[in-house]
């Protein structure tokens, strides 16, 4: 019998670590989050995009809300100023902000 904690987990990847994570921990996670948001907005999976500032000190934090009609739910993501600016560079995101919802 194996001692606890020695079982191999099959869902763990054996990929080499991302160079960006070595230089700036967490950056690859931020990139994946932004890519996911861009994809949902550009494919019109999400409606009624709302962005508002919720903290100013010690760091600016923004709340991004999307309605997901297909999932019958809502996605809320917290982003800092830099990540929000990266998200807003996408034309589909700017267009979604300009659309008025009934």
PDB file of N, CA and C in Angstrom:
ATOM      1  N   UNK A   1       0.839  -1.176   0.000  1.00  0.00           N
ATOM      2  CA  UNK A   1       0.000   0.000   0.000  1.00  0.00           C
ATOM      3  C   UNK A   1       0.886   1.242   0.000  1.00  0.00           C
ATOM      4  N   UNK A   2       0.507   2.219  -0.852  1.00  0.00           N
ATOM      5  CA  UNK A   2       1.288   3.454  -0.962  1.00  0.00           C
ATOM      6  C   UNK A   2       0.922   4.399   0.174  1.00  0.00           C
ATOM      7  N   UNK A   3       1.893   5.136   0.686  1.00  0.00           N
ATOM      8  CA  UNK A   3       1.583   6.132   1.714  1.00  0.00           C
ATOM      9  C   UNK A   3       0.780   7.283   1.107  1.00  0.00           C
ATOM     10  N   UNK A   4      -0.013   7.974   1.919  1.00  0.00           N
ATOM     11  CA  UNK A   4      -0.825   9.088   1.415  1.00  0.00           C
ATOM     12  C   UNK A   4       0.027  10.149   0.727  1.00  0.00           C
ATOM     13  N   UNK A   5      -0.503  10.679  -0.376  1.00  0.00           N
ATOM     14  CA  UNK A   5       0.178  11.751  -1.076  1.00  0.00           C
ATOM     15  C   UNK A   5       1.142  11.299  -2.149  1.00  0.00           C
ATOM     16  N   UNK A   6       1.260  10.000  -2.398  1.00  0.00           N
ATOM     17  CA  UNK A   6       2.209   9.533  -3.405  1.00  0.00           C
ATOM     18  C   UNK A   6       1.529   9.107  -4.697  1.00  0.00           C
ATOM     19  N   UNK A   7       0.238   9.348  -4.838  1.00  0.00           N
ATOM     20  CA  UNK A   7      -0.478   8.966  -6.045  1.00  0.00           C
ATOM     21  C   UNK A   7      -0.246  10.009  -7.132  1.00  0.00           C
ATOM     22  N   UNK A   8      -0.057   9.540  -8.337  1.00  0.00           N
ATOM     23  CA  UNK A   8       0.141  10.435  -9.464  1.00  0.00           C
ATOM     24  C   UNK A   8      -1.215  10.973  -9.913  1.00  0.00           C
ATOM     25  N   UNK A   9      -1.292  12.271 -10.088  1.00  0.00           N
ATOM     26  CA  UNK A   9      -2.519  12.890 -10.561  1.00  0.00           C
ATOM     27  C   UNK A   9      -2.438  13.010 -12.078  1.00  0.00           C
ATOM     28  N   UNK A  10      -3.397  12.425 -12.772  1.00  0.00           N
ATOM     29  CA  UNK A  10      -3.331  12.351 -14.225  1.00  0.00           C
ATOM     30  C   UNK A  10      -3.611  13.678 -14.911  1.00  0.00           C
ATOM     31  N   UNK A  11      -4.280  14.614 -14.253  1.00  0.00           N
ATOM     32  CA  UNK A  11      -4.626  15.868 -14.910  1.00  0.00           C
ATOM     33  C   UNK A  11      -3.487  16.881 -14.895  1.00  0.00           C
ATOM     34  N   UNK A  12      -2.433  16.614 -14.173  1.00  0.00           N
ATOM     35  CA  UNK A  12      -1.304  17.549 -14.141  1.00  0.00           C
ATOM     36  C   UNK A  12      -0.491  17.427 -15.414  1.00  0.00           C
ATOM     37  N   UNK A  13      -0.162  18.560 -15.986  1.00  0.00           N
ATOM     38  CA  UNK A  13       0.615  18.551 -17.217  1.00  0.00           C
ATOM     39  C   UNK A  13       2.101  18.453 -16.889  1.00  0.00           C
ATOM     40  N   UNK A  14       2.845  17.971 -17.847  1.00  0.00           N
ATOM     41  CA  UNK A  14       4.281  17.808 -17.679  1.00  0.00           C
ATOM     42  C   UNK A  14       5.015  18.839 -18.534  1.00  0.00           C
ATOM     43  N   UNK A  15       4.311  19.928 -18.889  1.00  0.00           N
ATOM     44  CA  UNK A  15       4.899  20.961 -19.715  1.00  0.00           C
ATOM     45  C   UNK A  15       6.004  21.681 -18.949  1.00  0.00           C
ATOM     46  N   UNK A  16       7.005  22.157 -19.686  1.00  0.00           N
ATOM     47  CA  UNK A  16       8.029  22.952 -18.998  1.00  0.00           C
ATOM     48  C   UNK A  16       7.407  24.263 -18.515  1.00  0.00           C
ATOM     49  N   UNK A  17       7.922  24.832 -17.443  1.00  0.00           N
ATOM     50  CA  UNK A  17       7.351  26.083 -16.923  1.00  0.00           C
ATOM     51  C   UNK A  17       7.469  27.212 -17.937  1.00  0.00           C
ATOM     52  N   UNK A  18       6.487  28.068 -17.957  1.00  0.00           N
ATOM     53  CA  UNK A  18       6.452  29.217 -18.858  1.00  0.00           C
ATOM     54  C   UNK A  18       7.534  30.211 -18.436  1.00  0.00           C
ATOM     55  N   UNK A  19       8.302  30.700 -19.398  1.00  0.00           N
ATOM     56  CA  UNK A  19       9.374  31.649 -19.102  1.00  0.00           C
ATOM     57  C   UNK A  19       8.816  32.926 -18.479  1.00  0.00           C
ATOM     58  N   UNK A  20       7.633  33.344 -18.937  1.00  0.00           N
ATOM     59  CA  UNK A  20       7.013  34.559 -18.386  1.00  0.00           C
ATOM     60  C   UNK A  20       6.717  34.373 -16.902  1.00  0.00           C
ATOM     61  N   UNK A  21       6.273  33.176 -16.505  1.00  0.00           N
ATOM     62  CA  UNK A  21       6.000  32.925 -15.088  1.00  0.00           C
ATOM     63  C   UNK A  21       7.269  32.961 -14.254  1.00  0.00           C
ATOM     64  N   UNK A  22       8.383  32.575 -14.832  1.00  0.00           N
ATOM     65  CA  UNK A  22       9.642  32.621 -14.092  1.00  0.00           C
ATOM     66  C   UNK A  22      10.089  34.064 -13.877  1.00  0.00           C
ATOM     67  N   UNK A  23       9.852  34.909 -14.882  1.00  0.00           N
ATOM     68  CA  UNK A  23      10.276  36.306 -14.786  1.00  0.00           C
ATOM     69  C   UNK A  23       9.279  37.157 -14.001  1.00  0.00           C
ATOM     70  N   UNK A  24       7.986  36.897 -14.207  1.00  0.00           N
ATOM     71  CA  UNK A  24       6.933  37.667 -13.538  1.00  0.00           C
ATOM     72  C   UNK A  24       5.833  36.693 -13.123  1.00  0.00           C
ATOM     73  N   UNK A  25       5.897  36.163 -11.904  1.00  0.00           N
ATOM     74  CA  UNK A  25       4.923  35.166 -11.470  1.00  0.00           C
ATOM     75  C   UNK A  25       3.489  35.662 -11.608  1.00  0.00           C
ATOM     76  N   UNK A  26       2.638  34.823 -12.179  1.00  0.00           N
ATOM     77  CA  UNK A  26       1.227  35.151 -12.333  1.00  0.00           C
ATOM     78  C   UNK A  26       0.857  35.793 -13.657  1.00  0.00           C
ATOM     79  N   UNK A  27       1.839  36.233 -14.440  1.00  0.00           N
ATOM     80  CA  UNK A  27       1.546  36.919 -15.698  1.00  0.00           C
ATOM     81  C   UNK A  27       0.845  36.008 -16.704  1.00  0.00           C
ATOM     82  N   UNK A  28       1.216  34.753 -16.750  1.00  0.00           N
ATOM     83  CA  UNK A  28       0.574  33.856 -17.722  1.00  0.00           C
ATOM     84  C   UNK A  28      -0.897  33.644 -17.348  1.00  0.00           C
ATOM     85  N   UNK A  29      -1.198  33.654 -16.071  1.00  0.00           N
ATOM     86  CA  UNK A  29      -2.591  33.525 -15.640  1.00  0.00           C
ATOM     87  C   UNK A  29      -3.394  34.758 -16.059  1.00  0.00           C
ATOM     88  N   UNK A  30      -2.810  35.929 -15.924  1.00  0.00           N
ATOM     89  CA  UNK A  30      -3.471  37.163 -16.346  1.00  0.00           C
ATOM     90  C   UNK A  30      -3.716  37.121 -17.855  1.00  0.00           C
ATOM     91  N   UNK A  31      -2.712  36.668 -18.624  1.00  0.00           N
ATOM     92  CA  UNK A  31      -2.880  36.568 -20.080  1.00  0.00           C
ATOM     93  C   UNK A  31      -4.009  35.618 -20.440  1.00  0.00           C
ATOM     94  N   UNK A  32      -4.085  34.474 -19.778  1.00  0.00           N
ATOM     95  CA  UNK A  32      -5.162  33.503 -20.062  1.00  0.00           C
ATOM     96  C   UNK A  32      -6.526  34.085 -19.710  1.00  0.00           C
ATOM     97  N   UNK A  33      -6.614  34.813 -18.608  1.00  0.00           N
ATOM     98  CA  UNK A  33      -7.877  35.440 -18.206  1.00  0.00           C
ATOM     99  C   UNK A  33      -8.312  36.473 -19.235  1.00  0.00           C
ATOM    100  N   UNK A  34      -7.379  37.330 -19.670  1.00  0.00           N
ATOM    101  CA  UNK A  34      -7.705  38.348 -20.667  1.00  0.00           C
ATOM    102  C   UNK A  34      -8.090  37.712 -21.998  1.00  0.00           C
ATOM    103  N   UNK A  35      -7.393  36.663 -22.398  1.00  0.00           N
ATOM    104  CA  UNK A  35      -7.734  35.966 -23.644  1.00  0.00           C
ATOM    105  C   UNK A  35      -9.137  35.374 -23.570  1.00  0.00           C
ATOM    106  N   UNK A  36      -9.485  34.823 -22.432  1.00  0.00           N
ATOM    107  CA  UNK A  36     -10.817  34.251 -22.244  1.00  0.00           C
ATOM    108  C   UNK A  36     -11.897  35.328 -22.322  1.00  0.00           C
ATOM    109  N   UNK A  37     -11.653  36.468 -21.676  1.00  0.00           N
ATOM    110  CA  UNK A  37     -12.607  37.582 -21.738  1.00  0.00           C
ATOM    111  C   UNK A  37     -12.768  38.088 -23.169  1.00  0.00           C
ATOM    112  N   UNK A  38     -11.637  38.278 -23.870  1.00  0.00           N
ATOM    113  CA  UNK A  38     -11.697  38.740 -25.258  1.00  0.00           C
ATOM    114  C   UNK A  38     -12.491  37.780 -26.130  1.00  0.00           C
ATOM    115  N   UNK A  39     -12.251  36.501 -25.935  1.00  0.00           N
ATOM    116  CA  UNK A  39     -12.938  35.492 -26.743  1.00  0.00           C
ATOM    117  C   UNK A  39     -14.443  35.519 -26.502  1.00  0.00           C
ATOM    118  N   UNK A  40     -14.852  35.580 -25.254  1.00  0.00           N
ATOM    119  CA  UNK A  40     -16.288  35.609 -24.952  1.00  0.00           C
ATOM    120  C   UNK A  40     -16.952  36.863 -25.502  1.00  0.00           C
ATOM    121  N   UNK A  41     -16.280  37.985 -25.421  1.00  0.00           N
ATOM    122  CA  UNK A  41     -16.857  39.238 -25.904  1.00  0.00           C
ATOM    123  C   UNK A  41     -16.888  39.266 -27.430  1.00  0.00           C
ATOM    124  N   UNK A  42     -15.802  38.855 -28.077  1.00  0.00           N
ATOM    125  CA  UNK A  42     -15.743  38.939 -29.535  1.00  0.00           C
ATOM    126  C   UNK A  42     -16.650  37.917 -30.216  1.00  0.00           C
ATOM    127  N   UNK A  43     -16.932  36.789 -29.575  1.00  0.00           N
ATOM    128  CA  UNK A  43     -17.819  35.789 -30.166  1.00  0.00           C
ATOM    129  C   UNK A  43     -19.273  36.029 -29.780  1.00  0.00           C
ATOM    130  N   UNK A  44     -19.538  37.154 -29.162  1.00  0.00           N
ATOM    131  CA  UNK A  44     -20.890  37.551 -28.767  1.00  0.00           C
ATOM    132  C   UNK A  44     -21.541  36.546 -27.829  1.00  0.00           C
ATOM    133  N   UNK A  45     -20.730  35.807 -27.068  1.00  0.00           N
ATOM    134  CA  UNK A  45     -21.272  34.919 -26.038  1.00  0.00           C
ATOM    135  C   UNK A  45     -21.745  35.738 -24.844  1.00  0.00           C
ATOM    136  N   UNK A  46     -21.121  36.894 -24.668  1.00  0.00           N
ATOM    137  CA  UNK A  46     -21.424  37.740 -23.511  1.00  0.00           C
ATOM    138  C   UNK A  46     -22.139  39.007 -23.977  1.00  0.00           C
ATOM    139  N   UNK A  47     -23.044  39.470 -23.147  1.00  0.00           N
ATOM    140  CA  UNK A  47     -23.762  40.707 -23.440  1.00  0.00           C
ATOM    141  C   UNK A  47     -23.673  41.625 -22.231  1.00  0.00           C
ATOM    142  N   UNK A  48     -24.048  42.862 -22.444  1.00  0.00           N
ATOM    143  CA  UNK A  48     -24.148  43.829 -21.358  1.00  0.00           C
ATOM    144  C   UNK A  48     -22.837  43.938 -20.566  1.00  0.00           C
ATOM    145  N   UNK A  49     -21.799  44.375 -21.252  1.00  0.00           N
ATOM    146  CA  UNK A  49     -20.484  44.558 -20.636  1.00  0.00           C
ATOM    147  C   UNK A  49     -20.498  45.818 -19.777  1.00  0.00           C
ATOM    148  N   UNK A  50     -20.078  45.680 -18.515  1.00  0.00           N
ATOM    149  CA  UNK A  50     -20.011  46.799 -17.583  1.00  0.00           C
ATOM    150  C   UNK A  50     -18.634  46.796 -16.910  1.00  0.00           C
ATOM    151  N   UNK A  51     -18.040  47.970 -16.837  1.00  0.00           N
ATOM    152  CA  UNK A  51     -16.743  48.121 -16.161  1.00  0.00           C
ATOM    153  C   UNK A  51     -16.872  49.262 -15.177  1.00  0.00           C
ATOM    154  N   UNK A  52     -16.449  49.024 -13.938  1.00  0.00           N
ATOM    155  CA  UNK A  52     -16.464  50.103 -12.946  1.00  0.00           C
ATOM    156  C   UNK A  52     -15.294  49.940 -11.986  1.00  0.00           C
ATOM    157  N   UNK A  53     -14.836  51.056 -11.481  1.00  0.00           N
ATOM    158  CA  UNK A  53     -13.718  51.064 -10.540  1.00  0.00           C
ATOM    159  C   UNK A  53     -14.257  50.787  -9.149  1.00  0.00           C
ATOM    160  N   UNK A  54     -13.632  49.828  -8.446  1.00  0.00           N
ATOM    161  CA  UNK A  54     -14.105  49.511  -7.100  1.00  0.00           C
ATOM    162  C   UNK A  54     -13.096  49.884  -6.015  1.00  0.00           C
ATOM    163  N   UNK A  55     -11.809  49.969  -6.367  1.00  0.00           N
ATOM    164  CA  UNK A  55     -10.779  50.413  -5.418  1.00  0.00           C
ATOM    165  C   UNK A  55      -9.873  51.410  -6.109  1.00  0.00           C
ATOM    166  N   UNK A  56      -9.395  52.366  -5.334  1.00  0.00           N
ATOM    167  CA  UNK A  56      -8.427  53.310  -5.873  1.00  0.00           C
ATOM    168  C   UNK A  56      -7.096  53.214  -5.135  1.00  0.00           C
ATOM    169  N   UNK A  57      -7.150  52.961  -3.850  1.00  0.00           N
ATOM    170  CA  UNK A  57      -5.934  52.830  -3.044  1.00  0.00           C
ATOM    171  C   UNK A  57      -5.892  51.471  -2.391  1.00  0.00           C
ATOM    172  N   UNK A  58      -4.827  50.822  -2.255  1.00  0.00           N
ATOM    173  CA  UNK A  58      -3.474  51.174  -2.647  1.00  0.00           C
ATOM    174  C   UNK A  58      -3.215  50.918  -4.135  1.00  0.00           C
ATOM    175  N   UNK A  59      -4.187  50.348  -4.830  1.00  0.00           N
ATOM    176  CA  UNK A  59      -4.028  50.037  -6.241  1.00  0.00           C
ATOM    177  C   UNK A  59      -5.387  50.140  -6.911  1.00  0.00           C
ATOM    178  N   UNK A  60      -5.407  50.625  -8.148  1.00  0.00           N
ATOM    179  CA  UNK A  60      -6.677  50.720  -8.863  1.00  0.00           C
ATOM    180  C   UNK A  60      -7.137  49.329  -9.288  1.00  0.00           C
ATOM    181  N   UNK A  61      -8.343  48.975  -8.886  1.00  0.00           N
ATOM    182  CA  UNK A  61      -8.940  47.687  -9.239  1.00  0.00           C
ATOM    183  C   UNK A  61     -10.286  47.964  -9.892  1.00  0.00           C
ATOM    184  N   UNK A  62     -10.530  47.273 -11.011  1.00  0.00           N
ATOM    185  CA  UNK A  62     -11.760  47.447 -11.766  1.00  0.00           C
ATOM    186  C   UNK A  62     -12.527  46.133 -11.808  1.00  0.00           C
ATOM    187  N   UNK A  63     -13.846  46.255 -11.789  1.00  0.00           N
ATOM    188  CA  UNK A  63     -14.725  45.097 -11.864  1.00  0.00           C
ATOM    189  C   UNK A  63     -15.328  45.051 -13.269  1.00  0.00           C
ATOM    190  N   UNK A  64     -15.163  43.908 -13.955  1.00  0.00           N
ATOM    191  CA  UNK A  64     -15.702  43.704 -15.296  1.00  0.00           C
ATOM    192  C   UNK A  64     -16.818  42.678 -15.176  1.00  0.00           C
ATOM    193  N   UNK A  65     -18.038  43.086 -15.538  1.00  0.00           N
ATOM    194  CA  UNK A  65     -19.207  42.198 -15.475  1.00  0.00           C
ATOM    195  C   UNK A  65     -19.699  41.902 -16.883  1.00  0.00           C
ATOM    196  N   UNK A  66     -19.992  40.651 -17.148  1.00  0.00           N
ATOM    197  CA  UNK A  66     -20.558  40.207 -18.417  1.00  0.00           C
ATOM    198  C   UNK A  66     -21.769  39.345 -18.127  1.00  0.00           C
ATOM    199  N   UNK A  67     -22.839  39.544 -18.865  1.00  0.00           N
ATOM    200  CA  UNK A  67     -23.975  38.634 -18.777  1.00  0.00           C
ATOM    201  C   UNK A  67     -23.753  37.514 -19.784  1.00  0.00           C
ATOM    202  N   UNK A  68     -23.971  36.279 -19.347  1.00  0.00           N
ATOM    203  CA  UNK A  68     -23.813  35.112 -20.208  1.00  0.00           C
ATOM    204  C   UNK A  68     -25.169  34.429 -20.370  1.00  0.00           C
ATOM    205  N   UNK A  69     -25.940  34.821 -21.400  1.00  0.00           N
ATOM    206  CA  UNK A  69     -27.293  34.297 -21.556  1.00  0.00           C
ATOM    207  C   UNK A  69     -27.331  32.781 -21.779  1.00  0.00           C
ATOM    208  N   UNK A  70     -26.345  32.238 -22.503  1.00  0.00           N
ATOM    209  CA  UNK A  70     -26.331  30.795 -22.773  1.00  0.00           C
ATOM    210  C   UNK A  70     -26.135  29.987 -21.498  1.00  0.00           C
ATOM    211  N   UNK A  71     -25.336  30.516 -20.584  1.00  0.00           N
ATOM    212  CA  UNK A  71     -25.080  29.826 -19.322  1.00  0.00           C
ATOM    213  C   UNK A  71     -26.065  30.253 -18.243  1.00  0.00           C
ATOM    214  N   UNK A  72     -26.932  31.206 -18.591  1.00  0.00           N
ATOM    215  CA  UNK A  72     -27.907  31.739 -17.647  1.00  0.00           C
ATOM    216  C   UNK A  72     -27.207  32.256 -16.385  1.00  0.00           C
ATOM    217  N   UNK A  73     -26.152  33.042 -16.614  1.00  0.00           N
ATOM    218  CA  UNK A  73     -25.395  33.542 -15.473  1.00  0.00           C
ATOM    219  C   UNK A  73     -24.631  34.795 -15.817  1.00  0.00           C
ATOM    220  N   UNK A  74     -23.686  35.106 -14.970  1.00  0.00           N
ATOM    221  CA  UNK A  74     -22.895  36.313 -15.105  1.00  0.00           C
ATOM    222  C   UNK A  74     -21.450  35.991 -14.767  1.00  0.00           C
ATOM    223  N   UNK A  75     -20.516  36.649 -15.442  1.00  0.00           N
ATOM    224  CA  UNK A  75     -19.092  36.492 -15.147  1.00  0.00           C
ATOM    225  C   UNK A  75     -18.588  37.812 -14.599  1.00  0.00           C
ATOM    226  N   UNK A  76     -17.928  37.756 -13.465  1.00  0.00           N
ATOM    227  CA  UNK A  76     -17.327  38.927 -12.840  1.00  0.00           C
ATOM    228  C   UNK A  76     -15.833  38.681 -12.706  1.00  0.00           C
ATOM    229  N   UNK A  77     -15.048  39.629 -13.178  1.00  0.00           N
ATOM    230  CA  UNK A  77     -13.599  39.513 -13.132  1.00  0.00           C
ATOM    231  C   UNK A  77     -13.031  40.811 -12.579  1.00  0.00           C
ATOM    232  N   UNK A  78     -12.057  40.702 -11.689  1.00  0.00           N
ATOM    233  CA  UNK A  78     -11.368  41.871 -11.141  1.00  0.00           C
ATOM    234  C   UNK A  78     -10.037  42.034 -11.866  1.00  0.00           C
ATOM    235  N   UNK A  79      -9.782  43.258 -12.343  1.00  0.00           N
ATOM    236  CA  UNK A  79      -8.555  43.534 -13.082  1.00  0.00           C
ATOM    237  C   UNK A  79      -7.904  44.798 -12.542  1.00  0.00           C
ATOM    238  N   UNK A  80      -6.581  44.866 -12.669  1.00  0.00           N
ATOM    239  CA  UNK A  80      -5.889  46.100 -12.324  1.00  0.00           C
ATOM    240  C   UNK A  80      -5.864  47.006 -13.555  1.00  0.00           C
ATOM    241  N   UNK A  81      -5.317  48.186 -13.411  1.00  0.00           N
ATOM    242  CA  UNK A  81      -5.316  49.190 -14.486  1.00  0.00           C
ATOM    243  C   UNK A  81      -4.621  48.660 -15.749  1.00  0.00           C
ATOM    244  N   UNK A  82      -3.449  48.027 -15.601  1.00  0.00           N
ATOM    245  CA  UNK A  82      -2.701  47.538 -16.756  1.00  0.00           C
ATOM    246  C   UNK A  82      -3.476  46.463 -17.521  1.00  0.00           C
ATOM    247  N   UNK A  83      -4.071  45.534 -16.789  1.00  0.00           N
ATOM    248  CA  UNK A  83      -4.826  44.464 -17.438  1.00  0.00           C
ATOM    249  C   UNK A  83      -6.066  45.026 -18.136  1.00  0.00           C
ATOM    250  N   UNK A  84      -6.723  45.996 -17.527  1.00  0.00           N
ATOM    251  CA  UNK A  84      -7.896  46.612 -18.151  1.00  0.00           C
ATOM    252  C   UNK A  84      -7.505  47.335 -19.435  1.00  0.00           C
ATOM    253  N   UNK A  85      -6.385  48.049 -19.425  1.00  0.00           N
ATOM    254  CA  UNK A  85      -5.928  48.736 -20.635  1.00  0.00           C
ATOM    255  C   UNK A  85      -5.613  47.736 -21.738  1.00  0.00           C
ATOM    256  N   UNK A  86      -5.014  46.590 -21.381  1.00  0.00           N
ATOM    257  CA  UNK A  86      -4.756  45.539 -22.371  1.00  0.00           C
ATOM    258  C   UNK A  86      -6.059  45.017 -22.956  1.00  0.00           C
ATOM    259  N   UNK A  87      -7.059  44.838 -22.108  1.00  0.00           N
ATOM    260  CA  UNK A  87      -8.357  44.344 -22.567  1.00  0.00           C
ATOM    261  C   UNK A  87      -9.018  45.355 -23.503  1.00  0.00           C
ATOM    262  N   UNK A  88      -8.925  46.629 -23.172  1.00  0.00           N
ATOM    263  CA  UNK A  88      -9.580  47.672 -23.962  1.00  0.00           C
ATOM    264  C   UNK A  88      -8.887  47.953 -25.290  1.00  0.00           C
ATOM    265  N   UNK A  89      -7.705  47.392 -25.510  1.00  0.00           N
ATOM    266  CA  UNK A  89      -7.025  47.540 -26.797  1.00  0.00           C
ATOM    267  C   UNK A  89      -7.731  46.756 -27.893  1.00  0.00           C
ATOM    268  N   UNK A  90      -8.569  45.807 -27.526  1.00  0.00           N
ATOM    269  CA  UNK A  90      -9.285  44.985 -28.489  1.00  0.00           C
ATOM    270  C   UNK A  90     -10.509  45.743 -29.000  1.00  0.00           C
ATOM    271  N   UNK A  91     -10.654  45.789 -30.311  1.00  0.00           N
ATOM    272  CA  UNK A  91     -11.762  46.530 -30.919  1.00  0.00           C
ATOM    273  C   UNK A  91     -13.116  45.964 -30.525  1.00  0.00           C
ATOM    274  N   UNK A  92     -13.236  44.640 -30.435  1.00  0.00           N
ATOM    275  CA  UNK A  92     -14.515  44.015 -30.072  1.00  0.00           C
ATOM    276  C   UNK A  92     -14.955  44.430 -28.672  1.00  0.00           C
ATOM    277  N   UNK A  93     -14.011  44.607 -27.779  1.00  0.00           N
ATOM    278  CA  UNK A  93     -14.335  45.017 -26.409  1.00  0.00           C
ATOM    279  C   UNK A  93     -14.824  46.465 -26.406  1.00  0.00           C
ATOM    280  N   UNK A  94     -14.140  47.327 -27.138  1.00  0.00           N
ATOM    281  CA  UNK A  94     -14.576  48.729 -27.220  1.00  0.00           C
ATOM    282  C   UNK A  94     -15.958  48.832 -27.860  1.00  0.00           C
ATOM    283  N   UNK A  95     -16.218  48.008 -28.878  1.00  0.00           N
ATOM    284  CA  UNK A  95     -17.543  48.004 -29.510  1.00  0.00           C
ATOM    285  C   UNK A  95     -18.611  47.535 -28.539  1.00  0.00           C
ATOM    286  N   UNK A  96     -18.296  46.522 -27.736  1.00  0.00           N
ATOM    287  CA  UNK A  96     -19.260  46.005 -26.765  1.00  0.00           C
ATOM    288  C   UNK A  96     -19.591  47.052 -25.705  1.00  0.00           C
ATOM    289  N   UNK A  97     -18.633  47.880 -25.355  1.00  0.00           N
ATOM    290  CA  UNK A  97     -18.886  48.957 -24.395  1.00  0.00           C
ATOM    291  C   UNK A  97     -19.787  50.031 -24.990  1.00  0.00           C
ATOM    292  N   UNK A  98     -19.676  50.248 -26.299  1.00  0.00           N
ATOM    293  CA  UNK A  98     -20.468  51.268 -26.953  1.00  0.00           C
ATOM    294  C   UNK A  98     -21.896  50.845 -27.230  1.00  0.00           C
ATOM    295  N   UNK A  99     -22.168  49.536 -27.249  1.00  0.00           N
ATOM    296  CA  UNK A  99     -23.526  49.052 -27.522  1.00  0.00           C
ATOM    297  C   UNK A  99     -24.429  49.297 -26.339  1.00  0.00           C
ATOM    298  N   UNK A 100     -25.630  49.731 -26.603  1.00  0.00           N
ATOM    299  CA  UNK A 100     -26.639  49.905 -25.549  1.00  0.00           C
ATOM    300  C   UNK A 100     -27.522  48.673 -25.523  1.00  0.00           C
ATOM    301  N   UNK A 101     -27.751  48.173 -24.329  1.00  0.00           N
ATOM    302  CA  UNK A 101     -28.620  46.995 -24.159  1.00  0.00           C
ATOM    303  C   UNK A 101     -30.042  47.454 -23.862  1.00  0.00           C
ATOM    304  N   UNK A 102     -31.055  46.754 -24.395  1.00  0.00           N
ATOM    305  CA  UNK A 102     -32.439  47.153 -24.127  1.00  0.00           C
ATOM    306  C   UNK A 102     -32.834  46.933 -22.694  1.00  0.00           C
TER     307      UNK A 102
END
